Amino acid sequence: MSAVVFDLDGTLIDSVAAVCDVANMLMNELALPPLNVEEARVYIGNGAGKFLERALSARGALQPDTHAARLQRFLAHYAQAPGEANGPYPGAETTLRRLAAAGHAIGLCTNKPLTPTQIAINALGWTDLFDVVIAGDMLEHRKPHPQPLLEVARRLGQKAVIYVGDSKVDEATAKAARIPFVLYKEGYRTVAVDQFEAAATFSDFNKLPDVLGRVVAGLWTVTGEVANSRLASRSQKEEASLSRGRLQATAGSRISR
């Protein structure tokens, strides 16, 4: 069986309203104009630090000497936000359970910090669905660096690995990791679908198992075997980097409540 790794925000869950609310707690404290949901949607994708940097820059309020403290305040609000505010995309849970029941290993690779990731997963009742979870503050690098995706794939231990995401950040991550990318078209992408290099695209989660089957079959047809080269031959430098990241990780397989 293959392993399927998913992005979280904009792929499995629509979290933009929840993230916007968290950001506006900080904007209120700083006496800055609030974000609207559409604005927040554009800022999501490169982790909490980049999200806040974009939001503050848009208000002419980005100050390098205070940014670290403001980020910590944002993360404190984020860690206490209710998980129920994160709604799953239609068919996402059913498809995750179908894939798991069919024997696929399921991973999660997100730039979202670990605490709000756990809160969202717990609120959705998804703690049993993911064999491996890597969040944005667990390793030395975050997406679009390939390290998080490669680490999820390594822990899943499958030869065939596919990454499902919704953004250019996800595309770049998969490309750097040399792992096939499948685009969810209904997420937070900011460019046209034809601007993506994807093995496949989909809009309906109920059709994803068939899409993944065709991608895996295509890998076998082209190569005669399924193997992701970055997984098969990682450099010593990459291994050392991953080892340092693992020392920082606070969660591995099967997040528990």
C-alpha atoms as a PDB file:
ATOM      1  CA  MET A   1       0.000   0.000   0.000  1.00  0.00           C
ATOM      2  CA  SER A   2       1.051   3.616  -0.456  1.00  0.00           C
ATOM      3  CA  ALA A   3       1.353   6.388   2.103  1.00  0.00           C
ATOM      4  CA  VAL A   4      -0.706   9.546   1.713  1.00  0.00           C
ATOM      5  CA  VAL A   5       0.455  12.716   3.441  1.00  0.00           C
ATOM      6  CA  PHE A   6      -1.910  15.659   3.819  1.00  0.00           C
ATOM      7  CA  ASP A   7      -1.522  19.348   4.463  1.00  0.00           C
ATOM      8  CA  LEU A   8      -4.008  20.607   7.057  1.00  0.00           C
ATOM      9  CA  ASP A   9      -5.201  24.215   6.621  1.00  0.00           C
ATOM     10  CA  GLY A  10      -6.881  24.712   3.270  1.00  0.00           C
ATOM     11  CA  THR A  11      -6.666  21.007   2.461  1.00  0.00           C
ATOM     12  CA  LEU A  12      -8.462  19.041   5.165  1.00  0.00           C
ATOM     13  CA  ILE A  13      -9.939  21.920   7.178  1.00  0.00           C
ATOM     14  CA  ASP A  14     -11.130  25.436   6.460  1.00  0.00           C
ATOM     15  CA  SER A  15      -9.486  27.260   9.344  1.00  0.00           C
ATOM     16  CA  VAL A  16      -9.260  30.772   7.916  1.00  0.00           C
ATOM     17  CA  ALA A  17     -12.066  32.235  10.050  1.00  0.00           C
ATOM     18  CA  ALA A  18     -10.523  30.776  13.200  1.00  0.00           C
ATOM     19  CA  VAL A  19      -7.051  32.083  12.328  1.00  0.00           C
ATOM     20  CA  CYS A  20      -8.538  35.476  11.481  1.00  0.00           C
ATOM     21  CA  ASP A  21     -10.212  35.650  14.906  1.00  0.00           C
ATOM     22  CA  VAL A  22      -6.918  34.835  16.620  1.00  0.00           C
ATOM     23  CA  ALA A  23      -5.076  37.488  14.636  1.00  0.00           C
ATOM     24  CA  ASN A  24      -7.706  40.081  15.493  1.00  0.00           C
ATOM     25  CA  MET A  25      -7.189  39.490  19.202  1.00  0.00           C
ATOM     26  CA  LEU A  26      -3.661  40.753  18.695  1.00  0.00           C
ATOM     27  CA  MET A  27      -4.731  43.520  16.310  1.00  0.00           C
ATOM     28  CA  ASN A  28      -7.116  44.761  18.984  1.00  0.00           C
ATOM     29  CA  GLU A  29      -4.340  44.769  21.586  1.00  0.00           C
ATOM     30  CA  LEU A  30      -2.142  46.782  19.216  1.00  0.00           C
ATOM     31  CA  ALA A  31      -4.972  49.192  18.302  1.00  0.00           C
ATOM     32  CA  LEU A  32      -4.678  48.160  14.648  1.00  0.00           C
ATOM     33  CA  PRO A  33      -7.484  47.654  12.094  1.00  0.00           C
ATOM     34  CA  PRO A  34      -8.847  44.096  12.133  1.00  0.00           C
ATOM     35  CA  LEU A  35      -8.278  41.581   9.361  1.00  0.00           C
ATOM     36  CA  ASN A  36     -11.145  40.307   7.271  1.00  0.00           C
ATOM     37  CA  VAL A  37     -11.438  36.646   6.319  1.00  0.00           C
ATOM     38  CA  GLU A  38     -10.441  37.107   2.691  1.00  0.00           C
ATOM     39  CA  GLU A  39      -7.325  39.011   3.696  1.00  0.00           C
ATOM     40  CA  ALA A  40      -6.375  36.334   6.221  1.00  0.00           C
ATOM     41  CA  ARG A  41      -6.848  33.629   3.585  1.00  0.00           C
ATOM     42  CA  VAL A  42      -4.106  35.164   1.429  1.00  0.00           C
ATOM     43  CA  TYR A  43      -1.657  35.301   4.346  1.00  0.00           C
ATOM     44  CA  ILE A  44      -1.940  31.603   5.305  1.00  0.00           C
ATOM     45  CA  GLY A  45       0.641  29.103   4.109  1.00  0.00           C
ATOM     46  CA  ASN A  46       4.155  29.705   5.440  1.00  0.00           C
ATOM     47  CA  GLY A  47       3.601  29.321   9.154  1.00  0.00           C
ATOM     48  CA  ALA A  48       2.445  31.577  11.990  1.00  0.00           C
ATOM     49  CA  GLY A  49       5.457  33.884  11.853  1.00  0.00           C
ATOM     50  CA  LYS A  50       5.038  34.682   8.177  1.00  0.00           C
ATOM     51  CA  PHE A  51       1.263  35.062   8.599  1.00  0.00           C
ATOM     52  CA  LEU A  52       1.747  37.679  11.306  1.00  0.00           C
ATOM     53  CA  GLU A  53       4.494  39.413   9.356  1.00  0.00           C
ATOM     54  CA  ARG A  54       2.183  39.794   6.360  1.00  0.00           C
ATOM     55  CA  ALA A  55      -0.713  41.028   8.473  1.00  0.00           C
ATOM     56  CA  LEU A  56       1.389  43.637  10.264  1.00  0.00           C
ATOM     57  CA  SER A  57       3.115  44.741   7.067  1.00  0.00           C
ATOM     58  CA  ALA A  58      -0.270  45.388   5.451  1.00  0.00           C
ATOM     59  CA  ARG A  59      -1.004  47.801   8.303  1.00  0.00           C
ATOM     60  CA  GLY A  60       2.401  49.492   8.235  1.00  0.00           C
ATOM     61  CA  ALA A  61       3.029  48.113  11.706  1.00  0.00           C
ATOM     62  CA  LEU A  62       5.823  45.590  11.178  1.00  0.00           C
ATOM     63  CA  GLN A  63       8.604  46.444  13.623  1.00  0.00           C
ATOM     64  CA  PRO A  64      11.616  44.097  13.670  1.00  0.00           C
ATOM     65  CA  ASP A  65      12.509  44.940  17.259  1.00  0.00           C
ATOM     66  CA  THR A  66       9.055  43.963  18.579  1.00  0.00           C
ATOM     67  CA  HIS A  67       8.103  41.222  16.127  1.00  0.00           C
ATOM     68  CA  ALA A  68       9.339  38.312  18.240  1.00  0.00           C
ATOM     69  CA  ALA A  69       7.319  39.441  21.260  1.00  0.00           C
ATOM     70  CA  ARG A  70       4.230  40.039  19.133  1.00  0.00           C
ATOM     71  CA  LEU A  71       4.591  36.597  17.592  1.00  0.00           C
ATOM     72  CA  GLN A  72       4.726  35.005  21.029  1.00  0.00           C
ATOM     73  CA  ARG A  73       1.557  36.862  21.968  1.00  0.00           C
ATOM     74  CA  PHE A  74      -0.120  35.684  18.747  1.00  0.00           C
ATOM     75  CA  LEU A  75       0.946  32.092  19.435  1.00  0.00           C
ATOM     76  CA  ALA A  76      -0.429  32.314  22.976  1.00  0.00           C
ATOM     77  CA  HIS A  77      -3.833  33.330  21.601  1.00  0.00           C
ATOM     78  CA  TYR A  78      -3.551  30.627  18.921  1.00  0.00           C
ATOM     79  CA  ALA A  79      -2.854  27.919  21.497  1.00  0.00           C
ATOM     80  CA  GLN A  80      -6.088  28.741  23.327  1.00  0.00           C
ATOM     81  CA  ALA A  81      -8.391  29.050  20.314  1.00  0.00           C
ATOM     82  CA  PRO A  82     -11.264  26.522  20.244  1.00  0.00           C
ATOM     83  CA  GLY A  83     -10.721  23.646  17.853  1.00  0.00           C
ATOM     84  CA  GLU A  84     -14.404  23.527  16.968  1.00  0.00           C
ATOM     85  CA  ALA A  85     -13.929  26.651  14.833  1.00  0.00           C
ATOM     86  CA  ASN A  86     -12.012  24.580  12.255  1.00  0.00           C
ATOM     87  CA  GLY A  87     -14.504  23.008   9.868  1.00  0.00           C
ATOM     88  CA  PRO A  88     -13.530  20.008   7.730  1.00  0.00           C
ATOM     89  CA  TYR A  89     -14.022  20.235   3.987  1.00  0.00           C
ATOM     90  CA  PRO A  90     -16.950  18.146   2.704  1.00  0.00           C
ATOM     91  CA  GLY A  91     -16.012  14.496   2.461  1.00  0.00           C
ATOM     92  CA  ALA A  92     -12.582  14.915   4.059  1.00  0.00           C
ATOM     93  CA  GLU A  93     -13.202  12.751   7.126  1.00  0.00           C
ATOM     94  CA  THR A  94     -15.009  10.027   5.209  1.00  0.00           C
ATOM     95  CA  THR A  95     -12.161   9.853   2.708  1.00  0.00           C
ATOM     96  CA  LEU A  96      -9.489   9.746   5.408  1.00  0.00           C
ATOM     97  CA  ARG A  97     -11.282   6.816   7.015  1.00  0.00           C
ATOM     98  CA  ARG A  98     -11.714   5.058   3.666  1.00  0.00           C
ATOM     99  CA  LEU A  99      -8.005   5.384   2.943  1.00  0.00           C
ATOM    100  CA  ALA A 100      -7.037   4.126   6.390  1.00  0.00           C
ATOM    101  CA  ALA A 101      -9.470   1.196   6.161  1.00  0.00           C
ATOM    102  CA  ALA A 102      -7.965   0.273   2.786  1.00  0.00           C
ATOM    103  CA  GLY A 103      -4.558  -0.059   4.423  1.00  0.00           C
ATOM    104  CA  HIS A 104      -2.924   3.216   3.441  1.00  0.00           C
ATOM    105  CA  ALA A 105      -0.567   4.869   5.911  1.00  0.00           C
ATOM    106  CA  ILE A 106      -1.803   8.411   6.618  1.00  0.00           C
ATOM    107  CA  GLY A 107       0.428  11.339   7.544  1.00  0.00           C
ATOM    108  CA  LEU A 108      -0.057  15.015   8.292  1.00  0.00           C
ATOM    109  CA  CYS A 109       2.516  17.665   7.344  1.00  0.00           C
ATOM    110  CA  THR A 110       1.519  21.190   8.351  1.00  0.00           C
ATOM    111  CA  ASN A 111       3.138  24.543   9.074  1.00  0.00           C
ATOM    112  CA  LYS A 112       0.543  25.092  11.790  1.00  0.00           C
ATOM    113  CA  PRO A 113       2.140  24.985  15.281  1.00  0.00           C
ATOM    114  CA  LEU A 114       1.722  21.717  17.166  1.00  0.00           C
ATOM    115  CA  THR A 115      -0.632  22.900  19.921  1.00  0.00           C
ATOM    116  CA  PRO A 116      -3.373  24.320  17.637  1.00  0.00           C
ATOM    117  CA  THR A 117      -2.854  21.307  15.356  1.00  0.00           C
ATOM    118  CA  GLN A 118      -3.576  18.960  18.250  1.00  0.00           C
ATOM    119  CA  ILE A 119      -6.539  21.065  19.358  1.00  0.00           C
ATOM    120  CA  ALA A 120      -8.079  20.984  15.864  1.00  0.00           C
ATOM    121  CA  ILE A 121      -7.522  17.245  15.430  1.00  0.00           C
ATOM    122  CA  ASN A 122      -8.947  16.475  18.866  1.00  0.00           C
ATOM    123  CA  ALA A 123     -12.020  18.637  18.256  1.00  0.00           C
ATOM    124  CA  LEU A 124     -12.699  16.838  14.980  1.00  0.00           C
ATOM    125  CA  GLY A 125     -12.249  13.391  16.499  1.00  0.00           C
ATOM    126  CA  TRP A 126      -9.368  12.636  14.142  1.00  0.00           C
ATOM    127  CA  THR A 127      -6.751  11.509  16.659  1.00  0.00           C
ATOM    128  CA  ASP A 128      -6.936   7.936  15.381  1.00  0.00           C
ATOM    129  CA  LEU A 129      -6.550   8.823  11.702  1.00  0.00           C
ATOM    130  CA  PHE A 130      -2.920   9.922  11.409  1.00  0.00           C
ATOM    131  CA  ASP A 131      -0.013   7.537  11.769  1.00  0.00           C
ATOM    132  CA  VAL A 132       2.469  10.430  11.804  1.00  0.00           C
ATOM    133  CA  VAL A 133       2.035  14.156  12.436  1.00  0.00           C
ATOM    134  CA  ILE A 134       4.708  16.791  11.847  1.00  0.00           C
ATOM    135  CA  ALA A 135       3.732  20.356  12.740  1.00  0.00           C
ATOM    136  CA  GLY A 136       5.428  23.624  11.920  1.00  0.00           C
ATOM    137  CA  ASP A 137       7.366  24.019  15.166  1.00  0.00           C
ATOM    138  CA  MET A 138       8.665  20.459  15.513  1.00  0.00           C
ATOM    139  CA  LEU A 139      11.729  20.445  13.238  1.00  0.00           C
ATOM    140  CA  GLU A 140      14.529  22.784  12.239  1.00  0.00           C
ATOM    141  CA  HIS A 141      12.767  23.706   8.979  1.00  0.00           C
ATOM    142  CA  ARG A 142       9.178  24.140   7.858  1.00  0.00           C
ATOM    143  CA  LYS A 143       7.583  23.957   4.418  1.00  0.00           C
ATOM    144  CA  PRO A 144       8.511  24.707   1.650  1.00  0.00           C
ATOM    145  CA  HIS A 145      11.762  23.131   2.849  1.00  0.00           C
ATOM    146  CA  PRO A 146      11.457  19.380   2.160  1.00  0.00           C
ATOM    147  CA  GLN A 147      12.544  18.318   5.655  1.00  0.00           C
ATOM    148  CA  PRO A 148       9.057  18.051   7.243  1.00  0.00           C
ATOM    149  CA  LEU A 149       7.561  16.086   4.358  1.00  0.00           C
ATOM    150  CA  LEU A 150      10.588  13.808   4.090  1.00  0.00           C
ATOM    151  CA  GLU A 151      10.434  13.136   7.812  1.00  0.00           C
ATOM    152  CA  VAL A 152       6.750  12.225   7.676  1.00  0.00           C
ATOM    153  CA  ALA A 153       7.444   9.935   4.726  1.00  0.00           C
ATOM    154  CA  ARG A 154      10.414   8.337   6.491  1.00  0.00           C
ATOM    155  CA  ARG A 155       8.361   7.582   9.599  1.00  0.00           C
ATOM    156  CA  LEU A 156       5.492   6.152   7.552  1.00  0.00           C
ATOM    157  CA  GLY A 157       7.932   3.701   6.018  1.00  0.00           C
ATOM    158  CA  GLN A 158       6.192   3.164   2.677  1.00  0.00           C
ATOM    159  CA  LYS A 159       7.892   3.072  -0.747  1.00  0.00           C
ATOM    160  CA  ALA A 160       5.124   4.993  -2.510  1.00  0.00           C
ATOM    161  CA  VAL A 161       4.349   8.375  -0.976  1.00  0.00           C
ATOM    162  CA  ILE A 162       1.948  11.029  -2.285  1.00  0.00           C
ATOM    163  CA  TYR A 163       1.466  14.516  -0.862  1.00  0.00           C
ATOM    164  CA  VAL A 164      -1.939  16.233  -0.987  1.00  0.00           C
ATOM    165  CA  GLY A 165      -2.090  20.005  -0.524  1.00  0.00           C
ATOM    166  CA  ASP A 166      -3.726  23.195  -1.718  1.00  0.00           C
ATOM    167  CA  SER A 167      -1.021  25.806  -2.246  1.00  0.00           C
ATOM    168  CA  LYS A 168       2.176  26.803  -3.982  1.00  0.00           C
ATOM    169  CA  VAL A 169       3.957  26.161  -0.687  1.00  0.00           C
ATOM    170  CA  ASP A 170       2.747  22.561  -0.772  1.00  0.00           C
ATOM    171  CA  GLU A 171       3.719  22.198  -4.419  1.00  0.00           C
ATOM    172  CA  ALA A 172       7.232  23.511  -3.726  1.00  0.00           C
ATOM    173  CA  THR A 173       7.600  21.196  -0.735  1.00  0.00           C
ATOM    174  CA  ALA A 174       6.635  18.122  -2.735  1.00  0.00           C
ATOM    175  CA  LYS A 175       8.898  19.128  -5.611  1.00  0.00           C
ATOM    176  CA  ALA A 176      11.874  19.624  -3.299  1.00  0.00           C
ATOM    177  CA  ALA A 177      11.198  16.242  -1.690  1.00  0.00           C
ATOM    178  CA  ARG A 178      10.679  14.583  -5.115  1.00  0.00           C
ATOM    179  CA  ILE A 179       7.307  13.286  -3.977  1.00  0.00           C
ATOM    180  CA  PRO A 180       4.240  13.390  -6.289  1.00  0.00           C
ATOM    181  CA  PHE A 181       1.896  16.276  -5.501  1.00  0.00           C
ATOM    182  CA  VAL A 182      -1.905  16.165  -5.744  1.00  0.00           C
ATOM    183  CA  LEU A 183      -3.679  19.532  -5.652  1.00  0.00           C
ATOM    184  CA  TYR A 184      -6.936  20.138  -3.792  1.00  0.00           C
ATOM    185  CA  LYS A 185      -8.508  22.906  -5.865  1.00  0.00           C
ATOM    186  CA  GLU A 186     -10.966  24.227  -3.266  1.00  0.00           C
ATOM    187  CA  GLY A 187      -8.430  25.416  -0.687  1.00  0.00           C
ATOM    188  CA  TYR A 188      -6.382  28.591  -0.259  1.00  0.00           C
ATOM    189  CA  ARG A 189      -4.491  28.686  -3.538  1.00  0.00           C
ATOM    190  CA  THR A 190      -3.807  32.205  -4.831  1.00  0.00           C
ATOM    191  CA  VAL A 191      -3.041  31.318  -8.472  1.00  0.00           C
ATOM    192  CA  ALA A 192      -4.905  29.476 -11.210  1.00  0.00           C
ATOM    193  CA  VAL A 193      -4.909  25.686 -11.226  1.00  0.00           C
ATOM    194  CA  ASP A 194      -3.000  25.627 -14.511  1.00  0.00           C
ATOM    195  CA  GLN A 195      -0.106  27.362 -12.761  1.00  0.00           C
ATOM    196  CA  PHE A 196       0.552  24.244 -10.692  1.00  0.00           C
ATOM    197  CA  GLU A 197       2.752  21.273 -11.542  1.00  0.00           C
ATOM    198  CA  ALA A 198       0.672  18.475 -10.065  1.00  0.00           C
ATOM    199  CA  ALA A 199       0.402  14.767 -10.714  1.00  0.00           C
ATOM    200  CA  ALA A 200      -3.368  15.212 -10.384  1.00  0.00           C
ATOM    201  CA  THR A 201      -6.001  17.649  -9.135  1.00  0.00           C
ATOM    202  CA  PHE A 202      -9.391  17.178  -7.471  1.00  0.00           C
ATOM    203  CA  SER A 203     -12.284  19.161  -6.023  1.00  0.00           C
ATOM    204  CA  ASP A 204     -14.355  16.357  -4.475  1.00  0.00           C
ATOM    205  CA  PHE A 205     -12.845  14.370  -1.603  1.00  0.00           C
ATOM    206  CA  ASN A 206     -15.086  11.428  -2.423  1.00  0.00           C
ATOM    207  CA  LYS A 207     -13.138  11.016  -5.667  1.00  0.00           C
ATOM    208  CA  LEU A 208      -9.689  11.255  -4.068  1.00  0.00           C
ATOM    209  CA  PRO A 209      -9.131   7.488  -3.537  1.00  0.00           C
ATOM    210  CA  ASP A 210      -9.546   6.898  -7.260  1.00  0.00           C
ATOM    211  CA  VAL A 211      -7.271   9.845  -8.066  1.00  0.00           C
ATOM    212  CA  LEU A 212      -4.571   8.488  -5.764  1.00  0.00           C
ATOM    213  CA  GLY A 213      -4.924   5.038  -7.295  1.00  0.00           C
ATOM    214  CA  ARG A 214      -4.245   6.443 -10.745  1.00  0.00           C
ATOM    215  CA  VAL A 215      -1.205   8.384  -9.511  1.00  0.00           C
ATOM    216  CA  VAL A 216       0.316   5.304  -7.870  1.00  0.00           C
ATOM    217  CA  ALA A 217      -0.447   3.176 -10.937  1.00  0.00           C
ATOM    218  CA  GLY A 218       1.289   5.779 -13.076  1.00  0.00           C
ATOM    219  CA  LEU A 219       4.394   5.620 -10.917  1.00  0.00           C
ATOM    220  CA  TRP A 220       4.571   1.873 -11.369  1.00  0.00           C
ATOM    221  CA  THR A 221       4.034   2.178 -15.112  1.00  0.00           C
ATOM    222  CA  VAL A 222       6.806   4.718 -15.585  1.00  0.00           C
ATOM    223  CA  THR A 223       9.448   3.371 -13.229  1.00  0.00           C
ATOM    224  CA  GLY A 224       8.722  -0.341 -12.850  1.00  0.00           C
ATOM    225  CA  GLU A 225       8.883   0.220  -9.111  1.00  0.00           C
ATOM    226  CA  VAL A 226       7.731   2.904  -6.723  1.00  0.00           C
ATOM    227  CA  ALA A 227      10.549   4.633  -4.916  1.00  0.00           C
ATOM    228  CA  ASN A 228      11.034   8.253  -3.931  1.00  0.00           C
ATOM    229  CA  SER A 229      14.688   9.000  -4.582  1.00  0.00           C
ATOM    230  CA  ARG A 230      15.063  11.484  -1.746  1.00  0.00           C
ATOM    231  CA  LEU A 231      13.852   8.776   0.649  1.00  0.00           C
ATOM    232  CA  ALA A 232      16.132   6.138  -0.806  1.00  0.00           C
ATOM    233  CA  SER A 233      19.342   8.176  -0.805  1.00  0.00           C
ATOM    234  CA  ARG A 234      19.390  10.958   1.722  1.00  0.00           C
ATOM    235  CA  SER A 235      22.668  12.736   2.291  1.00  0.00           C
ATOM    236  CA  GLN A 236      24.456  12.652   5.634  1.00  0.00           C
ATOM    237  CA  LYS A 237      23.794  16.364   6.004  1.00  0.00           C
ATOM    238  CA  GLU A 238      20.043  15.826   5.664  1.00  0.00           C
ATOM    239  CA  GLU A 239      20.104  12.975   8.157  1.00  0.00           C
ATOM    240  CA  ALA A 240      21.971  15.140  10.669  1.00  0.00           C
ATOM    241  CA  SER A 241      19.425  17.906  10.177  1.00  0.00           C
ATOM    242  CA  LEU A 242      16.537  15.503  10.700  1.00  0.00           C
ATOM    243  CA  SER A 243      18.172  14.113  13.833  1.00  0.00           C
ATOM    244  CA  ARG A 244      18.388  17.596  15.325  1.00  0.00           C
ATOM    245  CA  GLY A 245      14.747  18.132  14.424  1.00  0.00           C
ATOM    246  CA  ARG A 246      13.670  14.914  16.079  1.00  0.00           C
ATOM    247  CA  LEU A 247      15.227  16.058  19.348  1.00  0.00           C
ATOM    248  CA  GLN A 248      12.917  19.093  19.184  1.00  0.00           C
ATOM    249  CA  ALA A 249       9.802  17.100  18.331  1.00  0.00           C
ATOM    250  CA  THR A 250       7.207  16.748  21.040  1.00  0.00           C
ATOM    251  CA  ALA A 251       4.921  14.356  19.248  1.00  0.00           C
ATOM    252  CA  GLY A 252       5.430  11.453  16.899  1.00  0.00           C
ATOM    253  CA  SER A 253       3.069   8.721  15.876  1.00  0.00           C
ATOM    254  CA  ARG A 254      -0.622   8.816  16.764  1.00  0.00           C
ATOM    255  CA  ILE A 255      -1.354  12.103  18.552  1.00  0.00           C
ATOM    256  CA  SER A 256      -3.287  11.365  21.704  1.00  0.00           C
ATOM    257  CA  ARG A 257      -5.886  13.464  23.402  1.00  0.00           C
END
